[in-house]
N, C-alpha and C. Protein backbone atom coordinates (compact mmCIF):
# COMPACT_ATOMS: atom_id res chain seq x y z
N UNK A 1 29.02 1.29 5.16
CA UNK A 1 27.59 1.56 4.68
C UNK A 1 27.54 0.73 3.20
N UNK A 2 26.71 -0.16 2.76
CA UNK A 2 26.27 -0.62 1.48
C UNK A 2 25.76 0.14 0.58
N UNK A 3 26.08 0.61 -0.44
CA UNK A 3 25.22 1.38 -1.50
C UNK A 3 25.92 1.23 -2.77
N UNK A 4 24.78 1.58 -3.74
CA UNK A 4 25.08 1.39 -4.85
C UNK A 4 24.87 2.89 -5.69
N UNK A 5 25.63 3.55 -6.47
CA UNK A 5 25.42 4.72 -7.16
C UNK A 5 25.65 4.56 -8.88
N UNK A 6 24.19 4.73 -9.48
CA UNK A 6 24.56 4.70 -10.77
C UNK A 6 24.98 6.00 -11.74
N UNK A 7 25.50 5.98 -12.84
CA UNK A 7 25.70 7.01 -13.13
C UNK A 7 25.38 6.77 -14.88
N UNK A 8 25.69 7.48 -15.85
CA UNK A 8 25.73 7.43 -17.01
C UNK A 8 24.26 7.58 -18.05
N UNK A 9 23.16 8.02 -17.18
CA UNK A 9 22.26 8.14 -18.00
C UNK A 9 22.33 9.54 -19.03
N UNK A 10 21.25 9.99 -19.48
CA UNK A 10 20.81 10.96 -20.36
C UNK A 10 20.04 10.96 -21.43
N UNK A 11 20.00 12.03 -22.44
CA UNK A 11 19.37 11.97 -23.54
C UNK A 11 20.33 11.52 -25.08
N UNK A 12 19.28 10.55 -25.74
CA UNK A 12 20.31 9.80 -26.78
C UNK A 12 19.13 9.74 -27.64
N UNK A 13 19.69 10.06 -28.98
CA UNK A 13 18.65 9.48 -30.19
C UNK A 13 18.06 8.33 -30.36
N UNK A 14 17.15 7.72 -31.09
CA UNK A 14 16.80 6.69 -31.36
C UNK A 14 18.00 6.12 -32.14
N UNK A 15 18.08 4.83 -31.79
CA UNK A 15 19.57 3.92 -32.49
C UNK A 15 20.90 4.32 -31.80
N UNK A 16 20.83 5.32 -31.08
CA UNK A 16 22.21 5.49 -30.24
C UNK A 16 22.67 4.72 -29.25
N UNK A 17 23.83 5.09 -28.46
CA UNK A 17 23.74 3.89 -27.53
C UNK A 17 24.30 4.67 -26.00
N UNK A 18 24.18 3.75 -24.90
CA UNK A 18 24.45 4.64 -23.96
C UNK A 18 25.23 3.72 -22.69
N UNK A 19 26.21 3.91 -21.85
CA UNK A 19 26.63 2.78 -20.79
C UNK A 19 26.59 3.51 -19.85
N UNK A 20 25.44 2.71 -18.88
CA UNK A 20 25.39 3.16 -17.46
C UNK A 20 26.56 2.48 -16.52
N UNK A 21 26.82 2.88 -15.32
CA UNK A 21 27.91 2.46 -14.63
C UNK A 21 27.21 2.27 -13.07
N UNK A 22 27.37 1.30 -12.52
CA UNK A 22 26.87 1.35 -11.05
C UNK A 22 28.19 0.83 -9.93
N UNK A 23 28.37 1.65 -9.36
CA UNK A 23 29.88 1.73 -8.62
C UNK A 23 29.15 1.36 -7.16
N UNK A 24 29.68 0.23 -6.76
CA UNK A 24 29.33 -0.44 -5.46
C UNK A 24 30.45 0.06 -4.20
N UNK A 25 29.94 0.22 -3.02
CA UNK A 25 30.94 0.37 -1.93
C UNK A 25 30.33 0.10 -0.75
N UNK A 26 31.16 -0.38 -0.12
CA UNK A 26 30.80 -0.99 1.35
C UNK A 26 30.75 -2.64 1.20
N UNK A 27 30.40 -3.22 0.02
CA UNK A 27 30.76 -4.50 -0.17
C UNK A 27 31.55 -4.91 -1.73
N UNK A 28 32.10 -6.44 -1.76
CA UNK A 28 32.71 -6.45 -3.10
C UNK A 28 31.69 -7.34 -3.90
N UNK A 29 31.19 -6.61 -5.05
CA UNK A 29 30.61 -7.24 -5.85
C UNK A 29 30.37 -8.92 -6.02
N UNK A 30 31.58 -9.53 -6.03
CA UNK A 30 31.81 -10.94 -6.24
C UNK A 30 30.76 -11.50 -5.34
N UNK A 31 30.21 -11.12 -4.06
CA UNK A 31 29.57 -11.79 -3.18
C UNK A 31 27.86 -11.46 -3.67
N UNK A 32 27.95 -10.54 -4.80
CA UNK A 32 26.27 -10.33 -5.22
C UNK A 32 26.11 -10.66 -6.30
N UNK A 33 24.74 -10.56 -6.52
CA UNK A 33 24.25 -10.35 -7.45
C UNK A 33 23.73 -8.72 -7.88
N UNK A 34 23.66 -8.55 -9.02
CA UNK A 34 23.67 -7.05 -9.57
C UNK A 34 22.84 -6.85 -10.60
N UNK A 35 21.74 -5.93 -10.29
CA UNK A 35 20.86 -5.80 -11.45
C UNK A 35 20.30 -4.83 -11.69
N UNK A 36 20.31 -4.55 -13.33
CA UNK A 36 19.56 -3.18 -13.85
C UNK A 36 17.97 -3.16 -13.79
N UNK A 37 17.30 -2.43 -13.08
CA UNK A 37 15.83 -2.15 -13.44
C UNK A 37 15.15 -0.98 -13.83
N UNK A 38 14.39 -1.12 -14.42
CA UNK A 38 14.03 0.16 -15.02
C UNK A 38 12.56 0.49 -14.53
N UNK A 39 12.00 1.71 -14.38
CA UNK A 39 10.56 1.90 -14.05
C UNK A 39 10.22 2.79 -15.19
N UNK A 40 9.34 2.17 -15.73
CA UNK A 40 8.84 2.63 -16.93
C UNK A 40 7.74 3.76 -16.59
N UNK A 41 7.68 5.05 -17.46
CA UNK A 41 7.02 6.43 -16.85
C UNK A 41 5.57 5.89 -17.14
N UNK A 42 4.84 6.32 -16.09
CA UNK A 42 3.40 6.12 -15.92
C UNK A 42 3.20 4.33 -15.28
N UNK A 43 4.17 3.81 -14.94
CA UNK A 43 3.81 2.46 -14.21
C UNK A 43 4.90 2.58 -13.09
N UNK A 44 4.79 3.29 -12.21
CA UNK A 44 5.00 3.11 -10.70
C UNK A 44 5.02 1.96 -9.93
N UNK A 45 4.24 1.29 -10.13
CA UNK A 45 4.41 -0.04 -9.49
C UNK A 45 5.22 -1.06 -9.54
N UNK A 46 6.07 -1.11 -10.54
CA UNK A 46 6.54 -2.27 -11.10
C UNK A 46 8.06 -1.82 -11.66
N UNK A 47 8.92 -2.56 -11.47
CA UNK A 47 10.15 -2.22 -11.75
C UNK A 47 10.54 -3.32 -12.38
N UNK A 48 10.86 -3.31 -13.62
CA UNK A 48 11.19 -4.24 -14.64
C UNK A 48 13.03 -4.75 -14.99
N UNK A 49 12.88 -5.93 -14.58
CA UNK A 49 14.45 -6.59 -14.16
C UNK A 49 14.97 -6.06 -16.09
N UNK A 50 15.83 -5.43 -16.22
CA UNK A 50 16.18 -5.18 -17.61
C UNK A 50 17.45 -6.27 -17.93
N UNK A 51 18.69 -6.38 -16.68
CA UNK A 51 19.41 -7.09 -16.80
C UNK A 51 20.01 -7.48 -15.37
N UNK A 52 20.60 -8.62 -14.98
CA UNK A 52 21.16 -8.95 -13.82
C UNK A 52 22.40 -10.11 -14.17
N UNK A 53 23.30 -9.89 -13.04
CA UNK A 53 24.53 -10.86 -13.24
C UNK A 53 24.74 -11.21 -11.65
N UNK A 54 25.10 -12.87 -11.77
CA UNK A 54 25.50 -12.90 -10.57
C UNK A 54 26.95 -12.88 -10.64
N UNK A 55 27.78 -12.44 -10.20
CA UNK A 55 29.12 -12.07 -10.24
C UNK A 55 30.07 -13.17 -9.98
N UNK A 56 29.91 -13.71 -9.04
CA UNK A 56 31.05 -15.03 -8.62
C UNK A 56 30.65 -15.84 -9.68
N UNK A 57 29.45 -16.33 -10.37
CA UNK A 57 29.71 -17.02 -11.69
C UNK A 57 29.13 -17.05 -13.00
N UNK A 58 28.90 -15.60 -12.96
CA UNK A 58 28.94 -14.67 -14.28
C UNK A 58 27.38 -15.12 -15.14
N UNK A 59 26.57 -15.65 -14.17
CA UNK A 59 25.41 -16.06 -14.65
C UNK A 59 24.37 -14.76 -14.95
N UNK A 60 24.14 -14.82 -16.11
CA UNK A 60 23.13 -13.55 -16.69
C UNK A 60 21.83 -13.49 -16.93
N UNK A 61 21.08 -12.81 -16.75
CA UNK A 61 19.74 -12.81 -17.16
C UNK A 61 19.35 -11.31 -17.75
N UNK A 62 18.80 -11.63 -18.99
CA UNK A 62 18.58 -10.51 -19.89
C UNK A 62 16.71 -10.68 -20.05
N UNK A 63 16.19 -9.55 -20.07
CA UNK A 63 14.86 -9.24 -20.51
C UNK A 63 14.55 -9.41 -22.12
N UNK A 64 13.60 -10.03 -22.11
CA UNK A 64 13.32 -10.31 -23.41
C UNK A 64 13.69 -8.96 -24.56
N UNK A 65 13.29 -7.88 -23.76
CA UNK A 65 13.23 -6.50 -24.46
C UNK A 65 14.70 -5.95 -24.73
N UNK A 66 15.66 -6.40 -23.92
CA UNK A 66 16.89 -6.17 -23.91
C UNK A 66 17.93 -6.94 -24.96
N UNK A 67 17.81 -8.28 -24.76
CA UNK A 67 18.29 -9.24 -25.53
C UNK A 67 19.02 -9.01 -26.85
N UNK A 68 20.19 -9.08 -27.10
CA UNK A 68 20.57 -8.80 -28.22
C UNK A 68 21.02 -7.19 -28.40
N UNK A 69 20.61 -6.31 -27.47
CA UNK A 69 20.75 -4.61 -27.54
C UNK A 69 21.71 -4.36 -26.57
N UNK A 70 21.34 -5.03 -25.36
CA UNK A 70 22.11 -4.84 -23.94
C UNK A 70 22.98 -5.75 -23.57
N UNK A 71 24.29 -5.26 -23.19
CA UNK A 71 25.16 -6.14 -22.54
C UNK A 71 25.54 -5.92 -20.98
N UNK A 72 25.34 -6.85 -19.89
CA UNK A 72 25.73 -6.33 -18.94
C UNK A 72 27.25 -6.99 -18.49
N UNK A 73 28.08 -6.08 -17.52
CA UNK A 73 29.59 -6.52 -17.46
C UNK A 73 29.68 -6.02 -15.83
N UNK A 74 30.94 -6.26 -15.78
CA UNK A 74 31.63 -5.82 -14.50
C UNK A 74 33.38 -5.83 -14.44
N UNK A 75 33.40 -5.03 -13.63
CA UNK A 75 35.35 -4.89 -13.28
C UNK A 75 35.34 -4.78 -12.00
N UNK A 76 35.97 -6.01 -11.54
CA UNK A 76 36.11 -6.67 -10.21
C UNK A 76 36.93 -5.59 -9.35
N UNK A 77 37.82 -5.02 -10.20
CA UNK A 77 39.29 -4.19 -9.86
C UNK A 77 38.23 -2.69 -9.49
N UNK A 78 37.45 -2.50 -10.29
CA UNK A 78 36.73 -1.41 -10.07
C UNK A 78 35.19 -1.54 -9.05
N UNK A 79 34.87 -2.41 -9.02
CA UNK A 79 33.84 -2.80 -7.80
C UNK A 79 32.91 -2.42 -8.64
N UNK A 80 32.76 -2.17 -10.06
CA UNK A 80 31.32 -1.78 -10.66
C UNK A 80 30.90 -2.56 -12.10
N UNK A 81 29.49 -2.51 -12.02
CA UNK A 81 29.02 -3.21 -12.74
C UNK A 81 28.46 -2.09 -13.96
N UNK A 82 28.29 -2.74 -15.41
CA UNK A 82 28.32 -1.59 -16.23
C UNK A 82 26.89 -2.44 -17.11
N UNK A 83 26.02 -1.61 -17.61
CA UNK A 83 24.95 -1.76 -18.38
C UNK A 83 25.31 -1.02 -20.27
N UNK A 84 25.74 -1.77 -20.99
CA UNK A 84 25.91 -1.33 -22.32
C UNK A 84 24.69 -1.39 -23.05
N UNK A 85 23.73 -0.21 -23.26
CA UNK A 85 22.83 -0.41 -24.19
C UNK A 85 22.61 0.42 -25.66
N UNK A 86 22.99 -0.52 -26.66
CA UNK A 86 22.75 0.31 -27.63
C UNK A 86 21.76 -0.20 -28.77
N UNK A 87 21.49 0.23 -29.66
CA UNK A 87 20.11 0.45 -30.52
C UNK A 87 19.01 0.86 -29.47
N UNK A 88 19.36 1.95 -28.85
CA UNK A 88 17.96 2.37 -28.23
C UNK A 88 16.73 2.84 -28.70
N UNK A 89 16.05 2.25 -28.25
CA UNK A 89 14.33 2.75 -28.76
C UNK A 89 13.77 3.88 -27.71
N UNK A 90 12.74 4.57 -28.15
CA UNK A 90 11.91 5.39 -27.23
C UNK A 90 11.61 4.46 -26.49
N UNK A 91 10.87 3.51 -26.67
CA UNK A 91 10.17 2.79 -25.60
C UNK A 91 11.23 2.17 -24.00
N UNK A 92 12.85 2.45 -24.66
CA UNK A 92 13.45 2.26 -23.71
C UNK A 92 13.68 3.52 -22.47
N UNK A 93 13.13 4.77 -22.80
CA UNK A 93 13.00 6.09 -22.10
C UNK A 93 12.33 5.39 -20.78
N UNK A 94 13.37 5.89 -19.69
CA UNK A 94 12.96 4.91 -18.10
C UNK A 94 13.70 5.59 -17.10
N UNK A 95 13.61 5.67 -15.65
CA UNK A 95 14.67 5.58 -14.75
C UNK A 95 15.34 4.07 -14.44
N UNK A 96 16.63 4.35 -14.52
CA UNK A 96 17.34 2.84 -14.28
C UNK A 96 18.06 3.10 -13.14
N UNK A 97 17.84 1.89 -12.48
CA UNK A 97 18.00 1.57 -11.11
C UNK A 97 18.94 0.38 -11.09
N UNK A 98 20.16 0.68 -10.45
CA UNK A 98 20.94 -0.53 -9.81
C UNK A 98 20.59 -1.23 -8.49
N UNK A 99 20.62 -2.44 -8.38
CA UNK A 99 20.44 -3.08 -6.99
C UNK A 99 21.15 -4.12 -6.80
N UNK A 100 21.49 -4.49 -5.66
CA UNK A 100 22.29 -5.64 -5.18
C UNK A 100 21.51 -6.68 -4.26
N UNK A 101 21.96 -8.03 -4.41
CA UNK A 101 21.39 -8.64 -3.67
C UNK A 101 22.46 -9.80 -3.32
N UNK A 102 23.03 -9.98 -1.76
CA UNK A 102 24.03 -10.72 -1.66
C UNK A 102 23.63 -12.37 -2.27
N UNK A 103 24.65 -13.13 -2.27
CA UNK A 103 24.77 -14.21 -3.11
C UNK A 103 23.43 -14.76 -3.79
N UNK A 104 22.75 -13.55 -4.84
CA UNK A 104 21.60 -13.56 -5.31
C UNK A 104 21.70 -14.46 -6.35
N UNK A 105 20.66 -14.92 -7.09
CA UNK A 105 20.59 -15.69 -8.46
C UNK A 105 19.72 -15.08 -9.35
N UNK A 106 18.92 -14.28 -9.20
CA UNK A 106 17.85 -14.06 -9.99
C UNK A 106 17.59 -12.78 -10.53
N UNK A 107 16.49 -12.16 -11.13
CA UNK A 107 16.35 -10.82 -11.56
C UNK A 107 15.06 -10.18 -10.72
N UNK A 108 14.69 -10.70 -9.87
CA UNK A 108 13.28 -10.41 -9.15
C UNK A 108 13.67 -9.28 -8.08
N UNK A 109 12.70 -8.63 -8.54
CA UNK A 109 13.47 -6.60 -8.09
C UNK A 109 12.88 -6.90 -6.50
N UNK A 110 12.01 -7.79 -6.17
CA UNK A 110 11.80 -8.21 -4.75
C UNK A 110 12.58 -8.84 -3.90
N UNK A 111 13.22 -9.29 -4.37
CA UNK A 111 14.50 -10.32 -3.91
C UNK A 111 16.03 -9.15 -3.63
N UNK A 112 15.90 -7.95 -4.30
CA UNK A 112 17.06 -6.90 -4.12
C UNK A 112 16.89 -6.05 -3.14
N UNK A 113 17.84 -5.64 -2.22
CA UNK A 113 17.69 -5.15 -0.80
C UNK A 113 18.81 -3.73 -1.01
N UNK A 114 19.61 -3.66 -1.72
CA UNK A 114 20.05 -2.50 -1.82
C UNK A 114 20.03 -1.84 -3.17
N UNK A 115 19.40 -0.53 -2.88
CA UNK A 115 19.17 0.00 -4.12
C UNK A 115 19.40 1.80 -4.67
N UNK A 116 20.09 1.66 -5.66
CA UNK A 116 20.70 3.30 -5.95
C UNK A 116 19.70 4.12 -6.04
N UNK A 117 19.94 5.47 -6.28
CA UNK A 117 18.79 6.69 -6.26
C UNK A 117 18.26 6.60 -8.21
N UNK A 118 19.20 6.13 -8.92
CA UNK A 118 18.46 5.98 -10.00
C UNK A 118 18.86 6.86 -11.04
N UNK A 119 18.86 6.63 -12.74
CA UNK A 119 19.34 7.36 -13.29
C UNK A 119 18.79 7.46 -14.95
N UNK A 120 18.17 8.65 -15.03
CA UNK A 120 17.14 9.34 -16.19
C UNK A 120 18.10 8.64 -17.44
N UNK A 121 17.11 7.80 -18.29
CA UNK A 121 17.32 7.56 -19.84
C UNK A 121 16.28 7.88 -20.73
N UNK A 122 16.67 8.77 -21.36
CA UNK A 122 15.56 9.21 -22.33
C UNK A 122 16.00 9.31 -23.48
N UNK A 123 15.02 8.21 -24.34
CA UNK A 123 15.64 8.23 -25.70
C UNK A 123 14.25 9.01 -26.98
N UNK A 124 14.91 9.92 -27.83
CA UNK A 124 14.22 10.56 -28.40
C UNK A 124 13.88 10.02 -29.82
N UNK A 125 12.84 10.32 -30.43
CA UNK A 125 12.75 9.53 -31.46
C UNK A 125 12.93 9.95 -33.01
């Protein structure tokens, strides 16, 4: 069964850091694009693409809100993708989802077919 499981969310003060992990099973991340998306409270209709990576070619995408603060990376041996989030702001508060797209190359949530259950990130001011 193809699945991804997020972990690493929590409560942090503004300016703090968190590292989210996305552990993949049932497939090798090398053949996929892995993306981090977030659902902002009060905006359940849209999941914002925070950062995505095509593991095969290391092509990365960052939302403007994430540039300079977030870094996406992966460990092929652990079949896991990470999102290091620094200088967190209250507006980063959201449920963060990991998702996978076979041989993908974009950060469009509609193109991702395998989704995790999400992990809550709360940034206090």
